[in-house]
């Protein structure tokens, strides 16, 4: 299972850098969809992000039925989101499945992966 989560995270990095955007679930009064960490006791929360809007859409049920799929530009995510998440010890959940399982990754690790992939694409 862990191997599949890693593949989903790698796919996230590849697709997000190629399309220059990612997706989350957002509700005006509740904010961004997040949940408790499964694997990291140091994480205060895990914010969920997907590389495809359709994947985020699948989670709009029960708890997140009132949330809307929102696109986030990669540049905004790199410049504004990840540093704040790191300071607050919020991890990123990348391309989690409908059962809310997937890789939990530190914000700075994700930032480095996205920067590296962006550099590769530019070379």
PDB file of N, CA and C in Angstrom:
ATOM      1  N   UNK A   1       0.813  -1.195   0.000  1.00  0.00           N
ATOM      2  CA  UNK A   1       0.000   0.000   0.000  1.00  0.00           C
ATOM      3  C   UNK A   1       0.860   1.265   0.000  1.00  0.00           C
ATOM      4  N   UNK A   2       1.872   1.286   0.859  1.00  0.00           N
ATOM      5  CA  UNK A   2       2.748   2.472   0.953  1.00  0.00           C
ATOM      6  C   UNK A   2       3.385   2.790  -0.397  1.00  0.00           C
ATOM      7  N   UNK A   3       3.711   1.757  -1.148  1.00  0.00           N
ATOM      8  CA  UNK A   3       4.318   1.956  -2.462  1.00  0.00           C
ATOM      9  C   UNK A   3       3.356   2.716  -3.379  1.00  0.00           C
ATOM     10  N   UNK A   4       2.072   2.382  -3.300  1.00  0.00           N
ATOM     11  CA  UNK A   4       1.064   3.076  -4.108  1.00  0.00           C
ATOM     12  C   UNK A   4       0.942   4.540  -3.691  1.00  0.00           C
ATOM     13  N   UNK A   5       1.014   4.808  -2.399  1.00  0.00           N
ATOM     14  CA  UNK A   5       0.950   6.187  -1.914  1.00  0.00           C
ATOM     15  C   UNK A   5       2.119   6.999  -2.450  1.00  0.00           C
ATOM     16  N   UNK A   6       3.299   6.378  -2.479  1.00  0.00           N
ATOM     17  CA  UNK A   6       4.488   7.044  -2.992  1.00  0.00           C
ATOM     18  C   UNK A   6       4.329   7.345  -4.487  1.00  0.00           C
ATOM     19  N   UNK A   7       3.793   6.390  -5.228  1.00  0.00           N
ATOM     20  CA  UNK A   7       3.543   6.605  -6.661  1.00  0.00           C
ATOM     21  C   UNK A   7       2.538   7.732  -6.875  1.00  0.00           C
ATOM     22  N   UNK A   8       1.496   7.773  -6.056  1.00  0.00           N
ATOM     23  CA  UNK A   8       0.504   8.852  -6.153  1.00  0.00           C
ATOM     24  C   UNK A   8       1.150  10.207  -5.893  1.00  0.00           C
ATOM     25  N   UNK A   9       2.064  10.259  -4.926  1.00  0.00           N
ATOM     26  CA  UNK A   9       2.751  11.513  -4.604  1.00  0.00           C
ATOM     27  C   UNK A   9       3.685  11.925  -5.735  1.00  0.00           C
ATOM     28  N   UNK A  10       4.386  10.958  -6.321  1.00  0.00           N
ATOM     29  CA  UNK A  10       5.267  11.259  -7.452  1.00  0.00           C
ATOM     30  C   UNK A  10       4.451  11.769  -8.637  1.00  0.00           C
ATOM     31  N   UNK A  11       3.307  11.147  -8.882  1.00  0.00           N
ATOM     32  CA  UNK A  11       2.411  11.580  -9.957  1.00  0.00           C
ATOM     33  C   UNK A  11       1.922  13.008  -9.680  1.00  0.00           C
ATOM     34  N   UNK A  12       1.630  13.294  -8.419  1.00  0.00           N
ATOM     35  CA  UNK A  12       1.205  14.635  -8.024  1.00  0.00           C
ATOM     36  C   UNK A  12       2.255  15.661  -8.442  1.00  0.00           C
ATOM     37  N   UNK A  13       3.512  15.426  -8.070  1.00  0.00           N
ATOM     38  CA  UNK A  13       4.597  16.365  -8.370  1.00  0.00           C
ATOM     39  C   UNK A  13       4.741  16.546  -9.888  1.00  0.00           C
ATOM     40  N   UNK A  14       4.703  15.452 -10.626  1.00  0.00           N
ATOM     41  CA  UNK A  14       4.845  15.527 -12.083  1.00  0.00           C
ATOM     42  C   UNK A  14       3.701  16.307 -12.720  1.00  0.00           C
ATOM     43  N   UNK A  15       2.476  15.981 -12.356  1.00  0.00           N
ATOM     44  CA  UNK A  15       1.314  16.622 -12.975  1.00  0.00           C
ATOM     45  C   UNK A  15       1.189  18.089 -12.580  1.00  0.00           C
ATOM     46  N   UNK A  16       1.427  18.389 -11.320  1.00  0.00           N
ATOM     47  CA  UNK A  16       1.300  19.768 -10.831  1.00  0.00           C
ATOM     48  C   UNK A  16       2.338  20.677 -11.487  1.00  0.00           C
ATOM     49  N   UNK A  17       3.564  20.196 -11.621  1.00  0.00           N
ATOM     50  CA  UNK A  17       4.585  21.032 -12.256  1.00  0.00           C
ATOM     51  C   UNK A  17       4.301  21.194 -13.748  1.00  0.00           C
ATOM     52  N   UNK A  18       3.746  20.184 -14.383  1.00  0.00           N
ATOM     53  CA  UNK A  18       3.421  20.277 -15.809  1.00  0.00           C
ATOM     54  C   UNK A  18       2.268  21.240 -16.063  1.00  0.00           C
ATOM     55  N   UNK A  19       1.232  21.188 -15.215  1.00  0.00           N
ATOM     56  CA  UNK A  19       0.040  22.022 -15.443  1.00  0.00           C
ATOM     57  C   UNK A  19       0.056  23.331 -14.657  1.00  0.00           C
ATOM     58  N   UNK A  20       1.046  23.481 -13.762  1.00  0.00           N
ATOM     59  CA  UNK A  20       1.224  24.715 -12.985  1.00  0.00           C
ATOM     60  C   UNK A  20       0.054  25.035 -12.057  1.00  0.00           C
ATOM     61  N   UNK A  21      -0.670  24.003 -11.633  1.00  0.00           N
ATOM     62  CA  UNK A  21      -1.727  24.198 -10.639  1.00  0.00           C
ATOM     63  C   UNK A  21      -2.036  22.886  -9.930  1.00  0.00           C
ATOM     64  N   UNK A  22      -2.680  23.024  -8.780  1.00  0.00           N
ATOM     65  CA  UNK A  22      -3.121  21.889  -7.997  1.00  0.00           C
ATOM     66  C   UNK A  22      -4.503  22.212  -7.473  1.00  0.00           C
ATOM     67  N   UNK A  23      -5.117  21.256  -6.781  1.00  0.00           N
ATOM     68  CA  UNK A  23      -6.499  21.429  -6.351  1.00  0.00           C
ATOM     69  C   UNK A  23      -6.684  21.043  -4.891  1.00  0.00           C
ATOM     70  N   UNK A  24      -7.596  21.753  -4.236  1.00  0.00           N
ATOM     71  CA  UNK A  24      -7.970  21.438  -2.870  1.00  0.00           C
ATOM     72  C   UNK A  24      -9.476  21.595  -2.743  1.00  0.00           C
ATOM     73  N   UNK A  25      -9.985  21.237  -1.584  1.00  0.00           N
ATOM     74  CA  UNK A  25     -11.409  21.433  -1.287  1.00  0.00           C
ATOM     75  C   UNK A  25     -11.525  22.577  -0.297  1.00  0.00           C
ATOM     76  N   UNK A  26     -12.396  23.522  -0.605  1.00  0.00           N
ATOM     77  CA  UNK A  26     -12.509  24.732   0.206  1.00  0.00           C
ATOM     78  C   UNK A  26     -13.970  25.038   0.512  1.00  0.00           C
ATOM     79  N   UNK A  27     -14.210  25.460   1.750  1.00  0.00           N
ATOM     80  CA  UNK A  27     -15.533  25.909   2.167  1.00  0.00           C
ATOM     81  C   UNK A  27     -15.328  27.214   2.924  1.00  0.00           C
ATOM     82  N   UNK A  28     -16.136  28.215   2.610  1.00  0.00           N
ATOM     83  CA  UNK A  28     -15.913  29.574   3.094  1.00  0.00           C
ATOM     84  C   UNK A  28     -15.772  29.703   4.613  1.00  0.00           C
ATOM     85  N   UNK A  29     -16.601  29.023   5.369  1.00  0.00           N
ATOM     86  CA  UNK A  29     -16.528  29.156   6.828  1.00  0.00           C
ATOM     87  C   UNK A  29     -15.582  28.147   7.481  1.00  0.00           C
ATOM     88  N   UNK A  30     -15.334  27.026   6.809  1.00  0.00           N
ATOM     89  CA  UNK A  30     -14.490  25.964   7.367  1.00  0.00           C
ATOM     90  C   UNK A  30     -13.041  26.020   6.893  1.00  0.00           C
ATOM     91  N   UNK A  31     -12.816  26.689   5.762  1.00  0.00           N
ATOM     92  CA  UNK A  31     -11.459  26.747   5.211  1.00  0.00           C
ATOM     93  C   UNK A  31     -11.175  25.562   4.312  1.00  0.00           C
ATOM     94  N   UNK A  32      -9.926  25.157   4.271  1.00  0.00           N
ATOM     95  CA  UNK A  32      -9.468  24.082   3.402  1.00  0.00           C
ATOM     96  C   UNK A  32      -9.645  22.728   4.072  1.00  0.00           C
ATOM     97  N   UNK A  33      -9.988  21.733   3.290  1.00  0.00           N
ATOM     98  CA  UNK A  33     -10.168  20.368   3.803  1.00  0.00           C
ATOM     99  C   UNK A  33      -8.861  19.864   4.402  1.00  0.00           C
ATOM    100  N   UNK A  34      -8.969  19.358   5.613  1.00  0.00           N
ATOM    101  CA  UNK A  34      -7.806  18.785   6.280  1.00  0.00           C
ATOM    102  C   UNK A  34      -8.264  17.715   7.256  1.00  0.00           C
ATOM    103  N   UNK A  35      -7.323  16.936   7.731  1.00  0.00           N
ATOM    104  CA  UNK A  35      -7.652  15.887   8.687  1.00  0.00           C
ATOM    105  C   UNK A  35      -6.443  15.621   9.576  1.00  0.00           C
ATOM    106  N   UNK A  36      -6.604  14.713  10.511  1.00  0.00           N
ATOM    107  CA  UNK A  36      -5.506  14.339  11.401  1.00  0.00           C
ATOM    108  C   UNK A  36      -4.508  13.478  10.648  1.00  0.00           C
ATOM    109  N   UNK A  37      -3.271  13.577  11.045  1.00  0.00           N
ATOM    110  CA  UNK A  37      -2.218  12.756  10.449  1.00  0.00           C
ATOM    111  C   UNK A  37      -2.389  11.306  10.885  1.00  0.00           C
ATOM    112  N   UNK A  38      -2.111  10.383   9.990  1.00  0.00           N
ATOM    113  CA  UNK A  38      -2.131   8.956  10.309  1.00  0.00           C
ATOM    114  C   UNK A  38      -0.762   8.504  10.803  1.00  0.00           C
ATOM    115  N   UNK A  39       0.284   9.026  10.153  1.00  0.00           N
ATOM    116  CA  UNK A  39       1.631   8.494  10.365  1.00  0.00           C
ATOM    117  C   UNK A  39       2.594   9.420  11.102  1.00  0.00           C
ATOM    118  N   UNK A  40       2.255  10.676  11.237  1.00  0.00           N
ATOM    119  CA  UNK A  40       3.213  11.646  11.785  1.00  0.00           C
ATOM    120  C   UNK A  40       2.650  12.322  13.025  1.00  0.00           C
ATOM    121  N   UNK A  41       3.135  11.901  14.174  1.00  0.00           N
ATOM    122  CA  UNK A  41       2.615  12.479  15.422  1.00  0.00           C
ATOM    123  C   UNK A  41       3.012  13.940  15.586  1.00  0.00           C
ATOM    124  N   UNK A  42       4.036  14.398  14.860  1.00  0.00           N
ATOM    125  CA  UNK A  42       4.470  15.790  14.941  1.00  0.00           C
ATOM    126  C   UNK A  42       3.564  16.745  14.153  1.00  0.00           C
ATOM    127  N   UNK A  43       2.794  16.204  13.228  1.00  0.00           N
ATOM    128  CA  UNK A  43       1.948  17.044  12.379  1.00  0.00           C
ATOM    129  C   UNK A  43       0.720  17.523  13.150  1.00  0.00           C
ATOM    130  N   UNK A  44       0.418  18.809  13.045  1.00  0.00           N
ATOM    131  CA  UNK A  44      -0.779  19.343  13.690  1.00  0.00           C
ATOM    132  C   UNK A  44      -2.022  19.025  12.858  1.00  0.00           C
ATOM    133  N   UNK A  45      -1.845  18.877  11.542  1.00  0.00           N
ATOM    134  CA  UNK A  45      -2.936  18.529  10.630  1.00  0.00           C
ATOM    135  C   UNK A  45      -2.320  18.136   9.292  1.00  0.00           C
ATOM    136  N   UNK A  46      -3.148  17.595   8.422  1.00  0.00           N
ATOM    137  CA  UNK A  46      -2.740  17.288   7.055  1.00  0.00           C
ATOM    138  C   UNK A  46      -3.727  17.979   6.121  1.00  0.00           C
ATOM    139  N   UNK A  47      -3.241  18.906   5.321  1.00  0.00           N
ATOM    140  CA  UNK A  47      -4.055  19.556   4.297  1.00  0.00           C
ATOM    141  C   UNK A  47      -3.986  18.704   3.045  1.00  0.00           C
ATOM    142  N   UNK A  48      -5.135  18.516   2.407  1.00  0.00           N
ATOM    143  CA  UNK A  48      -5.219  17.603   1.277  1.00  0.00           C
ATOM    144  C   UNK A  48      -5.181  18.357  -0.051  1.00  0.00           C
ATOM    145  N   UNK A  49      -4.363  17.842  -0.959  1.00  0.00           N
ATOM    146  CA  UNK A  49      -4.213  18.440  -2.282  1.00  0.00           C
ATOM    147  C   UNK A  49      -4.184  17.333  -3.333  1.00  0.00           C
ATOM    148  N   UNK A  50      -4.719  17.668  -4.510  1.00  0.00           N
ATOM    149  CA  UNK A  50      -4.752  16.718  -5.615  1.00  0.00           C
ATOM    150  C   UNK A  50      -4.222  17.369  -6.880  1.00  0.00           C
ATOM    151  N   UNK A  51      -3.727  16.532  -7.783  1.00  0.00           N
ATOM    152  CA  UNK A  51      -3.227  17.037  -9.064  1.00  0.00           C
ATOM    153  C   UNK A  51      -4.334  17.103 -10.110  1.00  0.00           C
ATOM    154  N   UNK A  52      -5.479  16.514  -9.822  1.00  0.00           N
ATOM    155  CA  UNK A  52      -6.614  16.558 -10.747  1.00  0.00           C
ATOM    156  C   UNK A  52      -7.880  16.955  -9.994  1.00  0.00           C
ATOM    157  N   UNK A  53      -8.648  17.843 -10.610  1.00  0.00           N
ATOM    158  CA  UNK A  53      -9.894  18.306  -9.988  1.00  0.00           C
ATOM    159  C   UNK A  53     -10.850  17.139  -9.739  1.00  0.00           C
ATOM    160  N   UNK A  54     -10.881  16.176 -10.665  1.00  0.00           N
ATOM    161  CA  UNK A  54     -11.797  15.034 -10.526  1.00  0.00           C
ATOM    162  C   UNK A  54     -11.484  14.212  -9.283  1.00  0.00           C
ATOM    163  N   UNK A  55     -10.223  14.107  -8.942  1.00  0.00           N
ATOM    164  CA  UNK A  55      -9.836  13.347  -7.747  1.00  0.00           C
ATOM    165  C   UNK A  55     -10.308  14.049  -6.479  1.00  0.00           C
ATOM    166  N   UNK A  56     -10.198  15.374  -6.465  1.00  0.00           N
ATOM    167  CA  UNK A  56     -10.689  16.146  -5.310  1.00  0.00           C
ATOM    168  C   UNK A  56     -12.208  16.017  -5.214  1.00  0.00           C
ATOM    169  N   UNK A  57     -12.855  16.042  -6.350  1.00  0.00           N
ATOM    170  CA  UNK A  57     -14.323  15.959  -6.411  1.00  0.00           C
ATOM    171  C   UNK A  57     -14.849  14.692  -5.740  1.00  0.00           C
ATOM    172  N   UNK A  58     -14.114  13.597  -5.839  1.00  0.00           N
ATOM    173  CA  UNK A  58     -14.541  12.317  -5.256  1.00  0.00           C
ATOM    174  C   UNK A  58     -14.673  12.383  -3.740  1.00  0.00           C
ATOM    175  N   UNK A  59     -14.000  13.342  -3.108  1.00  0.00           N
ATOM    176  CA  UNK A  59     -14.039  13.459  -1.646  1.00  0.00           C
ATOM    177  C   UNK A  59     -15.132  14.401  -1.160  1.00  0.00           C
ATOM    178  N   UNK A  60     -15.908  14.947  -2.084  1.00  0.00           N
ATOM    179  CA  UNK A  60     -16.996  15.858  -1.706  1.00  0.00           C
ATOM    180  C   UNK A  60     -18.214  15.047  -1.278  1.00  0.00           C
ATOM    181  N   UNK A  61     -18.097  14.396  -0.139  1.00  0.00           N
ATOM    182  CA  UNK A  61     -19.199  13.611   0.399  1.00  0.00           C
ATOM    183  C   UNK A  61     -19.170  13.740   1.913  1.00  0.00           C
ATOM    184  N   UNK A  62     -20.212  13.365   2.552  1.00  0.00           N
ATOM    185  CA  UNK A  62     -20.319  13.419   4.007  1.00  0.00           C
ATOM    186  C   UNK A  62     -19.723  14.707   4.585  1.00  0.00           C
ATOM    187  N   UNK A  63     -18.562  14.578   5.205  1.00  0.00           N
ATOM    188  CA  UNK A  63     -17.928  15.696   5.921  1.00  0.00           C
ATOM    189  C   UNK A  63     -17.660  16.911   5.020  1.00  0.00           C
ATOM    190  N   UNK A  64     -17.322  16.675   3.767  1.00  0.00           N
ATOM    191  CA  UNK A  64     -16.935  17.768   2.865  1.00  0.00           C
ATOM    192  C   UNK A  64     -17.940  18.008   1.742  1.00  0.00           C
ATOM    193  N   UNK A  65     -19.190  17.651   1.963  1.00  0.00           N
ATOM    194  CA  UNK A  65     -20.221  17.811   0.928  1.00  0.00           C
ATOM    195  C   UNK A  65     -20.413  19.275   0.532  1.00  0.00           C
ATOM    196  N   UNK A  66     -20.217  20.198   1.460  1.00  0.00           N
ATOM    197  CA  UNK A  66     -20.420  21.626   1.182  1.00  0.00           C
ATOM    198  C   UNK A  66     -19.164  22.303   0.623  1.00  0.00           C
ATOM    199  N   UNK A  67     -18.094  21.579   0.496  1.00  0.00           N
ATOM    200  CA  UNK A  67     -16.842  22.142  -0.008  1.00  0.00           C
ATOM    201  C   UNK A  67     -16.859  22.174  -1.529  1.00  0.00           C
ATOM    202  N   UNK A  68     -16.095  23.103  -2.085  1.00  0.00           N
ATOM    203  CA  UNK A  68     -15.962  23.223  -3.539  1.00  0.00           C
ATOM    204  C   UNK A  68     -14.514  22.936  -3.925  1.00  0.00           C
ATOM    205  N   UNK A  69     -14.345  22.358  -5.100  1.00  0.00           N
ATOM    206  CA  UNK A  69     -12.998  22.141  -5.630  1.00  0.00           C
ATOM    207  C   UNK A  69     -12.450  23.499  -6.053  1.00  0.00           C
ATOM    208  N   UNK A  70     -11.258  23.825  -5.557  1.00  0.00           N
ATOM    209  CA  UNK A  70     -10.607  25.101  -5.883  1.00  0.00           C
ATOM    210  C   UNK A  70      -9.231  24.838  -6.466  1.00  0.00           C
ATOM    211  N   UNK A  71      -8.928  25.516  -7.551  1.00  0.00           N
ATOM    212  CA  UNK A  71      -7.588  25.438  -8.138  1.00  0.00           C
ATOM    213  C   UNK A  71      -6.673  26.408  -7.390  1.00  0.00           C
ATOM    214  N   UNK A  72      -5.424  26.015  -7.236  1.00  0.00           N
ATOM    215  CA  UNK A  72      -4.391  26.855  -6.611  1.00  0.00           C
ATOM    216  C   UNK A  72      -3.224  26.883  -7.593  1.00  0.00           C
ATOM    217  N   UNK A  73      -2.774  28.072  -7.938  1.00  0.00           N
ATOM    218  CA  UNK A  73      -1.638  28.140  -8.863  1.00  0.00           C
ATOM    219  C   UNK A  73      -0.380  27.626  -8.161  1.00  0.00           C
ATOM    220  N   UNK A  74       0.463  26.968  -8.923  1.00  0.00           N
ATOM    221  CA  UNK A  74       1.690  26.423  -8.349  1.00  0.00           C
ATOM    222  C   UNK A  74       2.565  27.543  -7.791  1.00  0.00           C
ATOM    223  N   UNK A  75       2.651  28.653  -8.491  1.00  0.00           N
ATOM    224  CA  UNK A  75       3.504  29.749  -8.000  1.00  0.00           C
ATOM    225  C   UNK A  75       3.009  30.265  -6.647  1.00  0.00           C
ATOM    226  N   UNK A  76       1.708  30.439  -6.477  1.00  0.00           N
ATOM    227  CA  UNK A  76       1.147  30.880  -5.198  1.00  0.00           C
ATOM    228  C   UNK A  76       1.414  29.835  -4.115  1.00  0.00           C
ATOM    229  N   UNK A  77       1.244  28.576  -4.455  1.00  0.00           N
ATOM    230  CA  UNK A  77       1.460  27.484  -3.508  1.00  0.00           C
ATOM    231  C   UNK A  77       2.901  27.480  -3.011  1.00  0.00           C
ATOM    232  N   UNK A  78       3.842  27.650  -3.939  1.00  0.00           N
ATOM    233  CA  UNK A  78       5.268  27.660  -3.575  1.00  0.00           C
ATOM    234  C   UNK A  78       5.641  28.904  -2.781  1.00  0.00           C
ATOM    235  N   UNK A  79       5.095  30.044  -3.156  1.00  0.00           N
ATOM    236  CA  UNK A  79       5.481  31.311  -2.536  1.00  0.00           C
ATOM    237  C   UNK A  79       4.771  31.585  -1.220  1.00  0.00           C
ATOM    238  N   UNK A  80       3.536  31.141  -1.080  1.00  0.00           N
ATOM    239  CA  UNK A  80       2.740  31.537   0.089  1.00  0.00           C
ATOM    240  C   UNK A  80       2.332  30.403   1.018  1.00  0.00           C
ATOM    241  N   UNK A  81       2.015  29.262   0.470  1.00  0.00           N
ATOM    242  CA  UNK A  81       1.443  28.198   1.282  1.00  0.00           C
ATOM    243  C   UNK A  81       2.475  27.416   2.090  1.00  0.00           C
ATOM    244  N   UNK A  82       3.479  26.918   1.421  1.00  0.00           N
ATOM    245  CA  UNK A  82       4.335  25.893   2.026  1.00  0.00           C
ATOM    246  C   UNK A  82       5.151  26.379   3.207  1.00  0.00           C
ATOM    247  N   UNK A  83       5.641  27.610   3.163  1.00  0.00           N
ATOM    248  CA  UNK A  83       6.390  28.130   4.318  1.00  0.00           C
ATOM    249  C   UNK A  83       5.489  28.228   5.551  1.00  0.00           C
ATOM    250  N   UNK A  84       4.283  28.714   5.354  1.00  0.00           N
ATOM    251  CA  UNK A  84       3.323  28.813   6.465  1.00  0.00           C
ATOM    252  C   UNK A  84       2.954  27.452   7.020  1.00  0.00           C
ATOM    253  N   UNK A  85       2.759  26.499   6.118  1.00  0.00           N
ATOM    254  CA  UNK A  85       2.444  25.138   6.564  1.00  0.00           C
ATOM    255  C   UNK A  85       3.595  24.566   7.391  1.00  0.00           C
ATOM    256  N   UNK A  86       4.823  24.805   6.938  1.00  0.00           N
ATOM    257  CA  UNK A  86       5.986  24.290   7.667  1.00  0.00           C
ATOM    258  C   UNK A  86       6.052  24.893   9.073  1.00  0.00           C
ATOM    259  N   UNK A  87       5.833  26.204   9.174  1.00  0.00           N
ATOM    260  CA  UNK A  87       5.876  26.878  10.481  1.00  0.00           C
ATOM    261  C   UNK A  87       4.830  26.320  11.436  1.00  0.00           C
ATOM    262  N   UNK A  88       3.668  25.958  10.891  1.00  0.00           N
ATOM    263  CA  UNK A  88       2.579  25.444  11.724  1.00  0.00           C
ATOM    264  C   UNK A  88       2.617  23.918  11.868  1.00  0.00           C
ATOM    265  N   UNK A  89       3.634  23.298  11.304  1.00  0.00           N
ATOM    266  CA  UNK A  89       3.772  21.840  11.310  1.00  0.00           C
ATOM    267  C   UNK A  89       2.560  21.145  10.688  1.00  0.00           C
ATOM    268  N   UNK A  90       2.059  21.742   9.604  1.00  0.00           N
ATOM    269  CA  UNK A  90       0.985  21.144   8.829  1.00  0.00           C
ATOM    270  C   UNK A  90       1.621  20.384   7.670  1.00  0.00           C
ATOM    271  N   UNK A  91       1.267  19.134   7.536  1.00  0.00           N
ATOM    272  CA  UNK A  91       1.786  18.305   6.451  1.00  0.00           C
ATOM    273  C   UNK A  91       0.844  18.384   5.252  1.00  0.00           C
ATOM    274  N   UNK A  92       1.317  17.925   4.106  1.00  0.00           N
ATOM    275  CA  UNK A  92       0.499  17.877   2.898  1.00  0.00           C
ATOM    276  C   UNK A  92       0.150  16.425   2.592  1.00  0.00           C
ATOM    277  N   UNK A  93      -1.115  16.192   2.304  1.00  0.00           N
ATOM    278  CA  UNK A  93      -1.578  14.882   1.846  1.00  0.00           C
ATOM    279  C   UNK A  93      -1.747  14.957   0.343  1.00  0.00           C
ATOM    280  N   UNK A  94      -0.981  14.169  -0.398  1.00  0.00           N
ATOM    281  CA  UNK A  94      -0.933  14.284  -1.852  1.00  0.00           C
ATOM    282  C   UNK A  94      -1.707  13.176  -2.545  1.00  0.00           C
ATOM    283  N   UNK A  95      -2.692  13.585  -3.340  1.00  0.00           N
ATOM    284  CA  UNK A  95      -3.499  12.649  -4.129  1.00  0.00           C
ATOM    285  C   UNK A  95      -4.060  11.509  -3.276  1.00  0.00           C
ATOM    286  N   UNK A  96      -4.614  11.869  -2.102  1.00  0.00           N
ATOM    287  CA  UNK A  96      -5.198  10.849  -1.237  1.00  0.00           C
ATOM    288  C   UNK A  96      -6.401  10.217  -1.919  1.00  0.00           C
ATOM    289  N   UNK A  97      -6.664   8.971  -1.555  1.00  0.00           N
ATOM    290  CA  UNK A  97      -7.785   8.248  -2.149  1.00  0.00           C
ATOM    291  C   UNK A  97      -9.086   8.533  -1.399  1.00  0.00           C
ATOM    292  N   UNK A  98     -10.149   7.905  -1.857  1.00  0.00           N
ATOM    293  CA  UNK A  98     -11.481   8.146  -1.275  1.00  0.00           C
ATOM    294  C   UNK A  98     -11.584   7.706   0.178  1.00  0.00           C
ATOM    295  N   UNK A  99     -10.662   6.845   0.619  1.00  0.00           N
ATOM    296  CA  UNK A  99     -10.654   6.380   2.011  1.00  0.00           C
ATOM    297  C   UNK A  99      -9.772   7.237   2.906  1.00  0.00           C
ATOM    298  N   UNK A 100      -9.316   8.375   2.358  1.00  0.00           N
ATOM    299  CA  UNK A 100      -8.448   9.304   3.079  1.00  0.00           C
ATOM    300  C   UNK A 100      -7.123   8.674   3.485  1.00  0.00           C
ATOM    301  N   UNK A 101      -6.543   7.953   2.548  1.00  0.00           N
ATOM    302  CA  UNK A 101      -5.219   7.401   2.762  1.00  0.00           C
ATOM    303  C   UNK A 101      -4.290   7.858   1.658  1.00  0.00           C
ATOM    304  N   UNK A 102      -3.052   8.094   2.036  1.00  0.00           N
ATOM    305  CA  UNK A 102      -2.037   8.499   1.082  1.00  0.00           C
ATOM    306  C   UNK A 102      -0.808   8.965   1.835  1.00  0.00           C
ATOM    307  N   UNK A 103       0.129   9.481   1.081  1.00  0.00           N
ATOM    308  CA  UNK A 103       1.380   9.937   1.659  1.00  0.00           C
ATOM    309  C   UNK A 103       1.193  11.273   2.376  1.00  0.00           C
ATOM    310  N   UNK A 104       1.735  11.356   3.587  1.00  0.00           N
ATOM    311  CA  UNK A 104       1.794  12.616   4.350  1.00  0.00           C
ATOM    312  C   UNK A 104       3.219  13.116   4.229  1.00  0.00           C
ATOM    313  N   UNK A 105       3.387  14.349   3.786  1.00  0.00           N
ATOM    314  CA  UNK A 105       4.726  14.845   3.512  1.00  0.00           C
ATOM    315  C   UNK A 105       4.910  16.223   4.138  1.00  0.00           C
ATOM    316  N   UNK A 106       6.098  16.456   4.678  1.00  0.00           N
ATOM    317  CA  UNK A 106       6.399  17.772   5.247  1.00  0.00           C
ATOM    318  C   UNK A 106       6.376  18.820   4.148  1.00  0.00           C
ATOM    319  N   UNK A 107       5.941  20.011   4.495  1.00  0.00           N
ATOM    320  CA  UNK A 107       5.813  21.093   3.516  1.00  0.00           C
ATOM    321  C   UNK A 107       7.135  21.402   2.815  1.00  0.00           C
ATOM    322  N   UNK A 108       8.250  21.414   3.555  1.00  0.00           N
ATOM    323  CA  UNK A 108       9.529  21.742   2.928  1.00  0.00           C
ATOM    324  C   UNK A 108      10.026  20.629   2.001  1.00  0.00           C
ATOM    325  N   UNK A 109       9.713  19.401   2.321  1.00  0.00           N
ATOM    326  CA  UNK A 109      10.070  18.285   1.441  1.00  0.00           C
ATOM    327  C   UNK A 109       9.287  18.418   0.132  1.00  0.00           C
ATOM    328  N   UNK A 110       8.014  18.742   0.246  1.00  0.00           N
ATOM    329  CA  UNK A 110       7.196  18.954  -0.948  1.00  0.00           C
ATOM    330  C   UNK A 110       7.699  20.145  -1.754  1.00  0.00           C
ATOM    331  N   UNK A 111       8.029  21.230  -1.078  1.00  0.00           N
ATOM    332  CA  UNK A 111       8.524  22.422  -1.765  1.00  0.00           C
ATOM    333  C   UNK A 111       9.788  22.087  -2.566  1.00  0.00           C
ATOM    334  N   UNK A 112      10.713  21.366  -1.939  1.00  0.00           N
ATOM    335  CA  UNK A 112      11.945  20.975  -2.621  1.00  0.00           C
ATOM    336  C   UNK A 112      11.659  20.089  -3.830  1.00  0.00           C
ATOM    337  N   UNK A 113      10.752  19.148  -3.684  1.00  0.00           N
ATOM    338  CA  UNK A 113      10.404  18.249  -4.795  1.00  0.00           C
ATOM    339  C   UNK A 113       9.799  19.030  -5.958  1.00  0.00           C
ATOM    340  N   UNK A 114       8.916  19.975  -5.644  1.00  0.00           N
ATOM    341  CA  UNK A 114       8.288  20.783  -6.696  1.00  0.00           C
ATOM    342  C   UNK A 114       9.309  21.678  -7.390  1.00  0.00           C
ATOM    343  N   UNK A 115      10.216  22.273  -6.611  1.00  0.00           N
ATOM    344  CA  UNK A 115      11.264  23.114  -7.205  1.00  0.00           C
ATOM    345  C   UNK A 115      12.189  22.287  -8.106  1.00  0.00           C
ATOM    346  N   UNK A 116      12.593  21.117  -7.619  1.00  0.00           N
ATOM    347  CA  UNK A 116      13.472  20.247  -8.409  1.00  0.00           C
ATOM    348  C   UNK A 116      12.818  19.865  -9.730  1.00  0.00           C
ATOM    349  N   UNK A 117      11.554  19.477  -9.674  1.00  0.00           N
ATOM    350  CA  UNK A 117      10.842  19.060 -10.880  1.00  0.00           C
ATOM    351  C   UNK A 117      10.685  20.255 -11.834  1.00  0.00           C
ATOM    352  N   UNK A 118      10.412  21.430 -11.298  1.00  0.00           N
ATOM    353  CA  UNK A 118      10.291  22.627 -12.124  1.00  0.00           C
ATOM    354  C   UNK A 118      11.605  22.921 -12.825  1.00  0.00           C
ATOM    355  N   UNK A 119      12.721  22.766 -12.112  1.00  0.00           N
ATOM    356  CA  UNK A 119      14.045  22.980 -12.704  1.00  0.00           C
ATOM    357  C   UNK A 119      14.308  21.987 -13.841  1.00  0.00           C
ATOM    358  N   UNK A 120      13.940  20.737 -13.619  1.00  0.00           N
ATOM    359  CA  UNK A 120      14.111  19.714 -14.654  1.00  0.00           C
ATOM    360  C   UNK A 120      13.349  20.095 -15.920  1.00  0.00           C
ATOM    361  N   UNK A 121      12.137  20.586 -15.759  1.00  0.00           N
ATOM    362  CA  UNK A 121      11.319  20.949 -16.899  1.00  0.00           C
ATOM    363  C   UNK A 121      11.881  22.153 -17.657  1.00  0.00           C
ATOM    364  N   UNK A 122      12.541  23.039 -16.922  1.00  0.00           N
ATOM    365  CA  UNK A 122      13.105  24.230 -17.537  1.00  0.00           C
ATOM    366  C   UNK A 122      14.413  23.948 -18.274  1.00  0.00           C
ATOM    367  N   UNK A 123      15.121  22.888 -17.849  1.00  0.00           N
ATOM    368  CA  UNK A 123      16.419  22.558 -18.472  1.00  0.00           C
ATOM    369  C   UNK A 123      16.241  21.905 -19.835  1.00  0.00           C
TER     370      UNK A 123
END
